[in-house]
């Protein structure tokens, strides 16, 4: 990879999913990992910490991941972090909604290490 630090925010209300993603990301030495369990908490962290990558659960307790992404994009515009929608459901179930919002990275749980590696590569180049 690179020596550049990459701030990554994992947003998931399921503790086990959140911890699995945290463990997977811990293999990337350049990753500084933040976590949030709700859309509101994630929104605050994104505005304060400005992560380069957000792994965003589609279903959150307060609003869905697409709604969160739209709120972030409305505030940050071109500075919106690279965002990957993550769900236990097949991507086809939410692909149109994500693409309409501008989210082009769709991942299904459990995450593939190669998908995370690619996202880290993209985020570190930003």
C-alpha atoms as a PDB file:
ATOM      1  CA  UNK A   1       0.000   0.000   0.000  1.00  0.00           C
ATOM      2  CA  UNK A   2       1.275   3.418   1.005  1.00  0.00           C
ATOM      3  CA  UNK A   3       2.535   5.313   4.056  1.00  0.00           C
ATOM      4  CA  UNK A   4      -0.432   7.672   3.835  1.00  0.00           C
ATOM      5  CA  UNK A   5      -2.924   7.287   6.686  1.00  0.00           C
ATOM      6  CA  UNK A   6      -6.480   6.491   5.624  1.00  0.00           C
ATOM      7  CA  UNK A   7      -9.255   7.362   8.039  1.00  0.00           C
ATOM      8  CA  UNK A   8     -12.031   4.777   7.672  1.00  0.00           C
ATOM      9  CA  UNK A   9     -15.462   5.042   9.268  1.00  0.00           C
ATOM     10  CA  UNK A  10     -17.443   1.822   9.709  1.00  0.00           C
ATOM     11  CA  UNK A  11     -21.157   2.481  10.186  1.00  0.00           C
ATOM     12  CA  UNK A  12     -23.185  -0.526  11.324  1.00  0.00           C
ATOM     13  CA  UNK A  13     -25.742  -1.040  14.078  1.00  0.00           C
ATOM     14  CA  UNK A  14     -24.932  -4.767  14.299  1.00  0.00           C
ATOM     15  CA  UNK A  15     -22.066  -5.138  16.774  1.00  0.00           C
ATOM     16  CA  UNK A  16     -20.772  -8.388  15.287  1.00  0.00           C
ATOM     17  CA  UNK A  17     -20.703  -6.985  11.737  1.00  0.00           C
ATOM     18  CA  UNK A  18     -18.976  -3.862  12.983  1.00  0.00           C
ATOM     19  CA  UNK A  19     -16.317  -5.869  14.829  1.00  0.00           C
ATOM     20  CA  UNK A  20     -15.741  -8.194  11.855  1.00  0.00           C
ATOM     21  CA  UNK A  21     -15.154  -5.218   9.567  1.00  0.00           C
ATOM     22  CA  UNK A  22     -12.900  -3.595  12.188  1.00  0.00           C
ATOM     23  CA  UNK A  23     -10.847  -6.815  12.420  1.00  0.00           C
ATOM     24  CA  UNK A  24     -10.553  -7.035   8.629  1.00  0.00           C
ATOM     25  CA  UNK A  25      -9.420  -3.407   8.392  1.00  0.00           C
ATOM     26  CA  UNK A  26      -6.887  -3.864  11.176  1.00  0.00           C
ATOM     27  CA  UNK A  27      -4.762  -5.801   8.667  1.00  0.00           C
ATOM     28  CA  UNK A  28      -4.213  -2.531   6.785  1.00  0.00           C
ATOM     29  CA  UNK A  29      -1.481  -0.716   8.711  1.00  0.00           C
ATOM     30  CA  UNK A  30      -2.412   2.618   7.161  1.00  0.00           C
ATOM     31  CA  UNK A  31      -6.044   2.439   8.394  1.00  0.00           C
ATOM     32  CA  UNK A  32      -7.215   4.663  11.238  1.00  0.00           C
ATOM     33  CA  UNK A  33     -10.553   3.081  12.141  1.00  0.00           C
ATOM     34  CA  UNK A  34     -13.572   4.950  13.486  1.00  0.00           C
ATOM     35  CA  UNK A  35     -16.971   3.380  14.186  1.00  0.00           C
ATOM     36  CA  UNK A  36     -20.572   4.516  14.483  1.00  0.00           C
ATOM     37  CA  UNK A  37     -23.734   2.565  15.255  1.00  0.00           C
ATOM     38  CA  UNK A  38     -26.335   5.020  13.926  1.00  0.00           C
ATOM     39  CA  UNK A  39     -26.789   7.476  11.102  1.00  0.00           C
ATOM     40  CA  UNK A  40     -26.755  10.449  13.451  1.00  0.00           C
ATOM     41  CA  UNK A  41     -23.527   9.358  15.111  1.00  0.00           C
ATOM     42  CA  UNK A  42     -21.980   8.705  11.699  1.00  0.00           C
ATOM     43  CA  UNK A  43     -23.012  12.110  10.377  1.00  0.00           C
ATOM     44  CA  UNK A  44     -21.345  13.833  13.341  1.00  0.00           C
ATOM     45  CA  UNK A  45     -18.155  11.795  12.915  1.00  0.00           C
ATOM     46  CA  UNK A  46     -17.989  12.433   9.176  1.00  0.00           C
ATOM     47  CA  UNK A  47     -18.326  16.185   9.668  1.00  0.00           C
ATOM     48  CA  UNK A  48     -15.777  16.279  12.520  1.00  0.00           C
ATOM     49  CA  UNK A  49     -13.225  13.670  11.406  1.00  0.00           C
ATOM     50  CA  UNK A  50     -13.504  13.808   7.575  1.00  0.00           C
ATOM     51  CA  UNK A  51     -12.728  10.145   6.820  1.00  0.00           C
ATOM     52  CA  UNK A  52     -11.479   9.212   3.362  1.00  0.00           C
ATOM     53  CA  UNK A  53     -13.582   6.019   3.321  1.00  0.00           C
ATOM     54  CA  UNK A  54     -16.984   5.155   4.779  1.00  0.00           C
ATOM     55  CA  UNK A  55     -18.263   1.579   4.957  1.00  0.00           C
ATOM     56  CA  UNK A  56     -21.965   2.241   5.334  1.00  0.00           C
ATOM     57  CA  UNK A  57     -24.606  -0.267   6.391  1.00  0.00           C
ATOM     58  CA  UNK A  58     -27.768   0.063   4.330  1.00  0.00           C
ATOM     59  CA  UNK A  59     -30.154  -0.396   7.272  1.00  0.00           C
ATOM     60  CA  UNK A  60     -29.552   1.805  10.303  1.00  0.00           C
ATOM     61  CA  UNK A  61     -31.838   2.426  13.292  1.00  0.00           C
ATOM     62  CA  UNK A  62     -32.517   6.108  12.590  1.00  0.00           C
ATOM     63  CA  UNK A  63     -32.374   6.310   8.778  1.00  0.00           C
ATOM     64  CA  UNK A  64     -30.964   4.247   5.959  1.00  0.00           C
ATOM     65  CA  UNK A  65     -27.472   4.486   4.544  1.00  0.00           C
ATOM     66  CA  UNK A  66     -28.590   6.210   1.348  1.00  0.00           C
ATOM     67  CA  UNK A  67     -30.310   8.936   3.363  1.00  0.00           C
ATOM     68  CA  UNK A  68     -27.118   9.409   5.384  1.00  0.00           C
ATOM     69  CA  UNK A  69     -25.015   9.595   2.227  1.00  0.00           C
ATOM     70  CA  UNK A  70     -27.369  12.232   0.785  1.00  0.00           C
ATOM     71  CA  UNK A  71     -27.099  14.335   3.967  1.00  0.00           C
ATOM     72  CA  UNK A  72     -23.295  14.120   3.836  1.00  0.00           C
ATOM     73  CA  UNK A  73     -23.184  14.952   0.134  1.00  0.00           C
ATOM     74  CA  UNK A  74     -25.495  17.933   0.647  1.00  0.00           C
ATOM     75  CA  UNK A  75     -23.013  19.297   3.224  1.00  0.00           C
ATOM     76  CA  UNK A  76     -19.678  18.324   1.659  1.00  0.00           C
ATOM     77  CA  UNK A  77     -20.343  18.144  -2.082  1.00  0.00           C
ATOM     78  CA  UNK A  78     -17.155  17.107  -3.892  1.00  0.00           C
ATOM     79  CA  UNK A  79     -15.463  16.508  -0.520  1.00  0.00           C
ATOM     80  CA  UNK A  80     -17.851  13.644   0.269  1.00  0.00           C
ATOM     81  CA  UNK A  81     -15.759  10.633   1.304  1.00  0.00           C
ATOM     82  CA  UNK A  82     -15.532   7.511  -0.813  1.00  0.00           C
ATOM     83  CA  UNK A  83     -18.542   5.498   0.341  1.00  0.00           C
ATOM     84  CA  UNK A  84     -19.316   1.816  -0.014  1.00  0.00           C
ATOM     85  CA  UNK A  85     -22.797   0.575   0.827  1.00  0.00           C
ATOM     86  CA  UNK A  86     -22.649  -2.653   2.806  1.00  0.00           C
ATOM     87  CA  UNK A  87     -25.592  -4.986   3.333  1.00  0.00           C
ATOM     88  CA  UNK A  88     -26.512  -8.549   4.089  1.00  0.00           C
ATOM     89  CA  UNK A  89     -29.049  -8.285   1.278  1.00  0.00           C
ATOM     90  CA  UNK A  90     -28.081  -8.832  -2.358  1.00  0.00           C
ATOM     91  CA  UNK A  91     -26.862  -5.571  -3.979  1.00  0.00           C
ATOM     92  CA  UNK A  92     -29.624  -5.834  -6.587  1.00  0.00           C
ATOM     93  CA  UNK A  93     -32.114  -5.032  -3.784  1.00  0.00           C
ATOM     94  CA  UNK A  94     -30.719  -1.519  -3.321  1.00  0.00           C
ATOM     95  CA  UNK A  95     -28.508  -0.888  -6.360  1.00  0.00           C
ATOM     96  CA  UNK A  96     -30.832   1.547  -8.151  1.00  0.00           C
ATOM     97  CA  UNK A  97     -31.349   3.629  -5.003  1.00  0.00           C
ATOM     98  CA  UNK A  98     -27.597   3.795  -4.381  1.00  0.00           C
ATOM     99  CA  UNK A  99     -26.668   4.676  -7.938  1.00  0.00           C
ATOM    100  CA  UNK A 100     -29.302   7.424  -8.034  1.00  0.00           C
ATOM    101  CA  UNK A 101     -27.675   8.926  -4.928  1.00  0.00           C
ATOM    102  CA  UNK A 102     -24.147   8.572  -6.347  1.00  0.00           C
ATOM    103  CA  UNK A 103     -22.945   5.533  -4.369  1.00  0.00           C
ATOM    104  CA  UNK A 104     -21.146   3.261  -6.821  1.00  0.00           C
ATOM    105  CA  UNK A 105     -19.520   0.731  -4.482  1.00  0.00           C
ATOM    106  CA  UNK A 106     -21.912  -1.964  -3.261  1.00  0.00           C
ATOM    107  CA  UNK A 107     -20.673  -4.752  -1.015  1.00  0.00           C
ATOM    108  CA  UNK A 108     -22.448  -7.756   0.416  1.00  0.00           C
ATOM    109  CA  UNK A 109     -21.723  -9.169   3.854  1.00  0.00           C
ATOM    110  CA  UNK A 110     -19.506 -10.970   4.542  1.00  0.00           C
ATOM    111  CA  UNK A 111     -17.006  -8.638   2.902  1.00  0.00           C
ATOM    112  CA  UNK A 112     -14.305 -10.022   0.658  1.00  0.00           C
ATOM    113  CA  UNK A 113     -10.760  -8.975   1.648  1.00  0.00           C
ATOM    114  CA  UNK A 114     -10.070  -8.116  -2.000  1.00  0.00           C
ATOM    115  CA  UNK A 115     -12.971  -5.617  -1.983  1.00  0.00           C
ATOM    116  CA  UNK A 116     -11.570  -3.903   1.106  1.00  0.00           C
ATOM    117  CA  UNK A 117      -8.093  -3.816  -0.413  1.00  0.00           C
ATOM    118  CA  UNK A 118      -9.461  -2.126  -3.539  1.00  0.00           C
ATOM    119  CA  UNK A 119     -11.396   0.464  -1.511  1.00  0.00           C
ATOM    120  CA  UNK A 120      -8.316   1.204   0.623  1.00  0.00           C
ATOM    121  CA  UNK A 121      -6.275   1.650  -2.560  1.00  0.00           C
ATOM    122  CA  UNK A 122      -8.820   4.099  -3.991  1.00  0.00           C
ATOM    123  CA  UNK A 123      -9.197   6.011  -0.705  1.00  0.00           C
ATOM    124  CA  UNK A 124      -5.434   6.367  -0.223  1.00  0.00           C
ATOM    125  CA  UNK A 125      -5.133   7.894  -3.693  1.00  0.00           C
ATOM    126  CA  UNK A 126      -7.644  10.642  -2.943  1.00  0.00           C
END
